[in-house]
């Protein structure tokens, strides 16, 4: 029986041409209150197969149901691992959802101050003075 490995919300998805099944739950890109569950089957060669898991009657599966279905697919394909990733459970995603989809919630104000050189603003813009200078001399490239 395939092993289900749960990954944290911001963990990287398995890469490469490995043999595995991934079930990912994430917010719909056009509607932050809706979620989408996808199953990705990688046989190790050829293109990955991506589906939205549904029941025989067409109802969408829950994340837990999709994980069980992915295990059955993995078992039938001789694949040893199923990876589950719930991208809706991260702390930032929870805050965004609580704010009605407002992605600016809990964002720190960007600081545009270069403490190493004591400058405000973007370096390239602030350094324009009419005469080109080579600022790489201070830093190896």
Foldseek 3Di string as FASTA:
>chain_A
DADEAEDELPDDDDDAQAFEKEWEWAADPVARVDIFIKIWGRHSDDDIDIDQDDDPVRHGDDLVVVQVVRVVVCVVSVHRYYYYHYNCPDPLNVQCVVVRNPNVPPDDDDAQADVVVGDGHDPVVVPDDPDDDDPCVVPPD
